N, C-alpha and C. Protein backbone atom coordinates (compact mmCIF):
# COMPACT_ATOMS: atom_id res chain seq x y z
N MET A 1 25.66 11.95 24.64
CA MET A 1 25.42 13.04 23.71
C MET A 1 25.27 14.33 24.50
N ALA A 2 25.73 15.42 23.93
CA ALA A 2 25.62 16.73 24.55
C ALA A 2 24.88 17.66 23.59
N ALA A 3 24.10 18.57 24.14
CA ALA A 3 23.39 19.54 23.32
C ALA A 3 24.25 20.79 23.18
N VAL A 4 24.48 21.23 21.97
CA VAL A 4 25.26 22.43 21.71
C VAL A 4 24.46 23.33 20.78
N VAL A 5 23.99 24.45 21.27
CA VAL A 5 23.25 25.44 20.50
C VAL A 5 22.14 24.80 19.68
N GLY A 6 21.28 24.03 20.34
CA GLY A 6 20.14 23.42 19.68
C GLY A 6 20.50 22.28 18.74
N LYS A 7 21.74 21.84 18.74
CA LYS A 7 22.18 20.79 17.83
C LYS A 7 22.73 19.64 18.66
N VAL A 8 22.33 18.43 18.36
CA VAL A 8 22.81 17.28 19.11
C VAL A 8 24.11 16.80 18.48
N VAL A 9 25.13 16.64 19.31
CA VAL A 9 26.42 16.13 18.85
C VAL A 9 26.83 14.97 19.74
N PHE A 10 27.66 14.11 19.20
CA PHE A 10 28.19 12.98 19.97
C PHE A 10 29.56 13.35 20.51
N ALA A 11 29.91 12.73 21.63
CA ALA A 11 31.27 12.83 22.15
C ALA A 11 32.01 11.55 21.77
N CYS A 12 33.25 11.69 21.40
CA CYS A 12 34.06 10.54 21.04
C CYS A 12 34.19 9.61 22.25
N PRO A 13 33.86 8.33 22.09
CA PRO A 13 33.95 7.41 23.23
C PRO A 13 35.39 7.09 23.63
N ILE A 14 36.36 7.48 22.81
CA ILE A 14 37.76 7.22 23.11
C ILE A 14 38.39 8.38 23.88
N CYS A 15 38.24 9.61 23.37
CA CYS A 15 38.90 10.76 24.00
C CYS A 15 37.94 11.80 24.55
N ASN A 16 36.64 11.63 24.32
CA ASN A 16 35.57 12.50 24.83
C ASN A 16 35.52 13.88 24.17
N HIS A 17 36.18 14.08 23.03
CA HIS A 17 36.06 15.33 22.28
C HIS A 17 34.79 15.28 21.43
N LYS A 18 34.34 16.45 20.99
CA LYS A 18 33.15 16.54 20.14
C LYS A 18 33.40 15.87 18.80
N MET A 19 32.38 15.19 18.29
CA MET A 19 32.47 14.59 16.96
C MET A 19 31.55 15.37 16.03
N SER A 20 31.92 15.41 14.77
CA SER A 20 31.08 16.09 13.78
C SER A 20 30.72 15.10 12.67
N LYS A 21 29.55 15.34 12.09
CA LYS A 21 29.10 14.47 11.00
C LYS A 21 29.91 14.82 9.76
N ARG A 22 30.64 13.85 9.25
CA ARG A 22 31.47 14.06 8.08
C ARG A 22 30.64 13.93 6.80
N THR A 23 29.81 12.91 6.75
CA THR A 23 28.97 12.68 5.58
C THR A 23 27.79 11.81 5.98
N SER A 24 26.81 11.76 5.11
CA SER A 24 25.66 10.86 5.31
C SER A 24 25.02 10.60 3.95
N TRP A 25 24.29 9.52 3.84
CA TRP A 25 23.60 9.18 2.60
C TRP A 25 22.36 8.37 2.93
N MET A 26 21.38 8.47 2.03
CA MET A 26 20.12 7.74 2.20
C MET A 26 20.30 6.31 1.72
N GLU A 27 19.95 5.36 2.57
CA GLU A 27 19.96 3.95 2.16
C GLU A 27 18.61 3.57 1.59
N HIS A 28 17.55 4.10 2.17
CA HIS A 28 16.20 4.01 1.60
C HIS A 28 15.37 5.14 2.20
N GLN A 29 14.09 5.19 1.90
CA GLN A 29 13.24 6.32 2.28
C GLN A 29 13.29 6.64 3.77
N PHE A 30 13.43 5.67 4.64
CA PHE A 30 13.37 5.91 6.07
C PHE A 30 14.69 5.65 6.81
N LEU A 31 15.79 5.46 6.08
CA LEU A 31 17.07 5.14 6.72
C LEU A 31 18.20 5.96 6.13
N ARG A 32 18.90 6.71 6.98
CA ARG A 32 20.06 7.49 6.58
C ARG A 32 21.29 6.94 7.31
N ARG A 33 22.36 6.70 6.59
CA ARG A 33 23.63 6.22 7.15
C ARG A 33 24.53 7.43 7.39
N ASP A 34 25.18 7.51 8.55
CA ASP A 34 25.99 8.66 8.95
C ASP A 34 27.42 8.23 9.26
N VAL A 35 28.39 9.14 9.01
CA VAL A 35 29.77 8.94 9.40
C VAL A 35 30.17 10.14 10.26
N TYR A 36 30.62 9.86 11.49
CA TYR A 36 31.06 10.89 12.43
C TYR A 36 32.56 10.78 12.65
N CYS A 37 33.23 11.94 12.76
CA CYS A 37 34.68 11.97 12.98
C CYS A 37 34.98 12.78 14.24
N CYS A 38 35.96 12.32 14.99
CA CYS A 38 36.40 13.00 16.20
C CYS A 38 37.12 14.29 15.82
N SER A 39 36.85 15.37 16.58
CA SER A 39 37.48 16.66 16.30
C SER A 39 38.90 16.76 16.85
N ASN A 40 39.31 15.81 17.68
CA ASN A 40 40.66 15.79 18.22
C ASN A 40 41.60 15.25 17.15
N PRO A 41 42.53 16.09 16.63
CA PRO A 41 43.39 15.63 15.53
C PRO A 41 44.31 14.47 15.92
N ILE A 42 44.61 14.33 17.18
CA ILE A 42 45.47 13.22 17.61
C ILE A 42 44.67 11.91 17.60
N CYS A 43 43.42 11.96 18.07
CA CYS A 43 42.57 10.76 18.09
C CYS A 43 42.09 10.41 16.68
N ASN A 44 41.38 11.36 16.05
CA ASN A 44 40.92 11.23 14.66
C ASN A 44 40.12 9.96 14.38
N ALA A 45 39.44 9.41 15.37
CA ALA A 45 38.64 8.20 15.17
C ALA A 45 37.39 8.53 14.35
N SER A 46 36.88 7.55 13.62
CA SER A 46 35.66 7.70 12.84
C SER A 46 34.67 6.62 13.24
N PHE A 47 33.39 6.94 13.17
CA PHE A 47 32.33 6.00 13.55
C PHE A 47 31.20 6.10 12.55
N THR A 48 30.51 4.99 12.34
CA THR A 48 29.33 5.01 11.48
C THR A 48 28.11 4.67 12.32
N GLY A 49 26.98 5.11 11.85
CA GLY A 49 25.71 4.82 12.51
C GLY A 49 24.58 5.07 11.55
N HIS A 50 23.38 5.13 12.06
CA HIS A 50 22.26 5.39 11.19
C HIS A 50 21.18 6.18 11.93
N THR A 51 20.39 6.90 11.16
CA THR A 51 19.21 7.60 11.64
C THR A 51 18.03 6.96 10.93
N GLU A 52 17.05 6.51 11.71
CA GLU A 52 15.95 5.76 11.12
C GLU A 52 14.61 6.33 11.59
N LEU A 53 13.68 6.48 10.66
CA LEU A 53 12.30 6.82 11.00
C LEU A 53 11.55 5.51 11.18
N THR A 54 10.91 5.33 12.35
CA THR A 54 10.26 4.06 12.63
C THR A 54 8.76 4.14 12.80
N HIS A 55 8.22 5.30 13.24
CA HIS A 55 6.79 5.44 13.52
C HIS A 55 6.32 6.85 13.21
N ILE A 56 5.03 7.00 12.99
CA ILE A 56 4.40 8.32 12.87
C ILE A 56 4.08 8.79 14.27
N ALA A 57 4.56 9.99 14.64
CA ALA A 57 4.34 10.52 15.99
C ALA A 57 3.11 11.41 16.09
N SER A 58 2.73 12.06 14.99
CA SER A 58 1.53 12.90 14.99
C SER A 58 0.99 12.97 13.57
N PRO A 59 -0.30 13.25 13.42
CA PRO A 59 -0.88 13.26 12.07
C PRO A 59 -0.39 14.44 11.25
N SER A 60 -0.46 14.29 9.96
CA SER A 60 -0.08 15.36 9.04
C SER A 60 -1.13 16.47 9.07
N GLY A 61 -0.70 17.69 8.86
CA GLY A 61 -1.62 18.82 8.77
C GLY A 61 -2.07 19.08 7.35
N MET A 62 -1.62 18.29 6.40
CA MET A 62 -2.00 18.47 5.00
C MET A 62 -3.47 18.12 4.82
N GLU A 63 -4.11 18.81 3.88
CA GLU A 63 -5.54 18.59 3.64
C GLU A 63 -5.84 17.15 3.26
N ASN A 64 -5.03 16.58 2.36
CA ASN A 64 -5.30 15.21 1.91
C ASN A 64 -4.79 14.17 2.91
N GLY A 65 -4.01 14.62 3.92
CA GLY A 65 -3.54 13.70 4.95
C GLY A 65 -2.35 12.86 4.53
N GLY A 66 -2.24 12.55 3.26
CA GLY A 66 -1.11 11.75 2.79
C GLY A 66 -1.18 10.32 3.30
N VAL A 67 -0.43 9.46 2.66
CA VAL A 67 -0.37 8.06 3.06
C VAL A 67 1.09 7.74 3.35
N CYS A 68 1.32 7.12 4.48
CA CYS A 68 2.68 6.75 4.87
C CYS A 68 2.66 5.29 5.31
N SER A 69 3.71 4.57 4.95
CA SER A 69 3.75 3.14 5.28
C SER A 69 4.26 2.88 6.70
N LEU A 70 4.67 3.92 7.43
CA LEU A 70 5.12 3.72 8.80
C LEU A 70 3.93 3.54 9.74
N PRO A 71 4.07 2.69 10.76
CA PRO A 71 2.97 2.49 11.71
C PRO A 71 2.90 3.66 12.70
N PRO A 72 1.72 3.89 13.28
CA PRO A 72 1.62 4.95 14.30
C PRO A 72 2.36 4.54 15.57
N SER A 73 2.92 5.53 16.27
CA SER A 73 3.62 5.26 17.52
C SER A 73 2.61 4.95 18.62
N PRO A 74 3.01 4.30 19.71
CA PRO A 74 2.09 4.02 20.81
C PRO A 74 1.46 5.28 21.39
N SER A 75 2.22 6.38 21.49
CA SER A 75 1.63 7.61 22.03
C SER A 75 0.61 8.20 21.06
N TYR A 76 0.85 8.07 19.76
CA TYR A 76 -0.11 8.53 18.75
C TYR A 76 -1.43 7.75 18.89
N LEU A 77 -1.34 6.44 19.03
CA LEU A 77 -2.54 5.61 19.21
C LEU A 77 -3.26 5.94 20.51
N ARG A 78 -2.49 6.16 21.59
CA ARG A 78 -3.08 6.49 22.89
C ARG A 78 -3.81 7.84 22.82
N ASN A 79 -3.20 8.85 22.20
CA ASN A 79 -3.83 10.16 22.07
C ASN A 79 -5.08 10.10 21.19
N ALA A 80 -5.04 9.31 20.13
CA ALA A 80 -6.22 9.16 19.28
C ALA A 80 -7.36 8.48 20.03
N ALA A 81 -7.04 7.45 20.82
CA ALA A 81 -8.07 6.76 21.62
C ALA A 81 -8.64 7.69 22.68
N LEU A 82 -7.80 8.50 23.31
CA LEU A 82 -8.27 9.44 24.32
C LEU A 82 -9.17 10.50 23.71
N ALA A 83 -8.80 11.02 22.54
CA ALA A 83 -9.63 12.01 21.85
C ALA A 83 -10.98 11.42 21.48
N ALA A 84 -11.01 10.18 21.00
CA ALA A 84 -12.27 9.52 20.66
C ALA A 84 -13.12 9.31 21.91
N HIS A 85 -12.50 8.94 23.01
CA HIS A 85 -13.22 8.74 24.27
C HIS A 85 -13.83 10.06 24.77
N ILE A 86 -13.08 11.14 24.69
CA ILE A 86 -13.59 12.45 25.12
C ILE A 86 -14.74 12.89 24.21
N ARG A 87 -14.63 12.68 22.90
CA ARG A 87 -15.73 13.02 21.98
C ARG A 87 -16.98 12.23 22.33
N GLU A 88 -16.80 10.95 22.65
CA GLU A 88 -17.93 10.09 23.01
C GLU A 88 -18.59 10.57 24.31
N LEU A 89 -17.80 10.90 25.31
CA LEU A 89 -18.35 11.40 26.57
C LEU A 89 -19.06 12.73 26.40
N THR A 90 -18.48 13.62 25.62
CA THR A 90 -19.08 14.93 25.39
C THR A 90 -20.40 14.79 24.63
N ALA A 91 -20.44 13.88 23.66
CA ALA A 91 -21.67 13.67 22.89
C ALA A 91 -22.76 13.08 23.78
N ALA A 92 -22.39 12.18 24.70
CA ALA A 92 -23.38 11.53 25.56
C ALA A 92 -23.84 12.44 26.70
N ASN A 93 -22.93 13.22 27.28
CA ASN A 93 -23.26 14.01 28.46
C ASN A 93 -23.35 15.50 28.21
N GLY A 94 -22.97 15.95 27.06
CA GLY A 94 -22.94 17.39 26.80
C GLY A 94 -21.71 17.99 27.46
N ASP A 95 -21.45 19.23 27.14
CA ASP A 95 -20.31 19.92 27.73
C ASP A 95 -20.72 20.47 29.08
N LEU A 96 -20.11 20.00 30.15
CA LEU A 96 -20.47 20.40 31.51
C LEU A 96 -20.18 21.87 31.78
N PHE A 97 -19.28 22.47 31.04
CA PHE A 97 -18.88 23.86 31.29
C PHE A 97 -19.46 24.84 30.28
N ALA A 98 -20.31 24.40 29.39
CA ALA A 98 -20.84 25.27 28.34
C ALA A 98 -21.71 26.39 28.91
N ASP A 99 -22.45 26.16 30.00
CA ASP A 99 -23.38 27.16 30.53
C ASP A 99 -22.75 28.08 31.55
N LEU A 100 -21.47 27.92 31.87
CA LEU A 100 -20.82 28.79 32.84
C LEU A 100 -20.55 30.15 32.21
N PRO A 101 -20.74 31.24 32.99
CA PRO A 101 -20.45 32.56 32.45
C PRO A 101 -18.95 32.73 32.22
N ALA A 102 -18.60 33.60 31.28
CA ALA A 102 -17.20 33.84 30.99
C ALA A 102 -16.54 34.52 32.18
N ARG A 103 -15.34 34.15 32.49
CA ARG A 103 -14.62 34.70 33.64
C ARG A 103 -14.02 36.05 33.27
N GLN A 104 -14.22 37.03 34.11
CA GLN A 104 -13.65 38.37 33.90
C GLN A 104 -12.25 38.42 34.49
N VAL A 105 -11.31 38.87 33.72
CA VAL A 105 -9.92 38.96 34.22
C VAL A 105 -9.58 40.39 34.53
């Protein structure tokens, strides 16, 4: 895959020309089916694939938080555990840097 102006595109595995998404459709809430076509008119190959949402990567910023049936990603769980650990340490030991004077720039 090559990045072109902030957009990810595939290269045709046959002739290496850029491919463009011809169409796509939702198969269900978390799965989109895609059809890509080669931009080389001589090759003109077509390929299908899918885009799938598999995990929650970060929490929602919405007030109610929302409910989603996707599981949290490993990095999401790791960051949540680290945040809980830091809160626990800060509560037990206090903030070590709270009494330092503000630095003048």
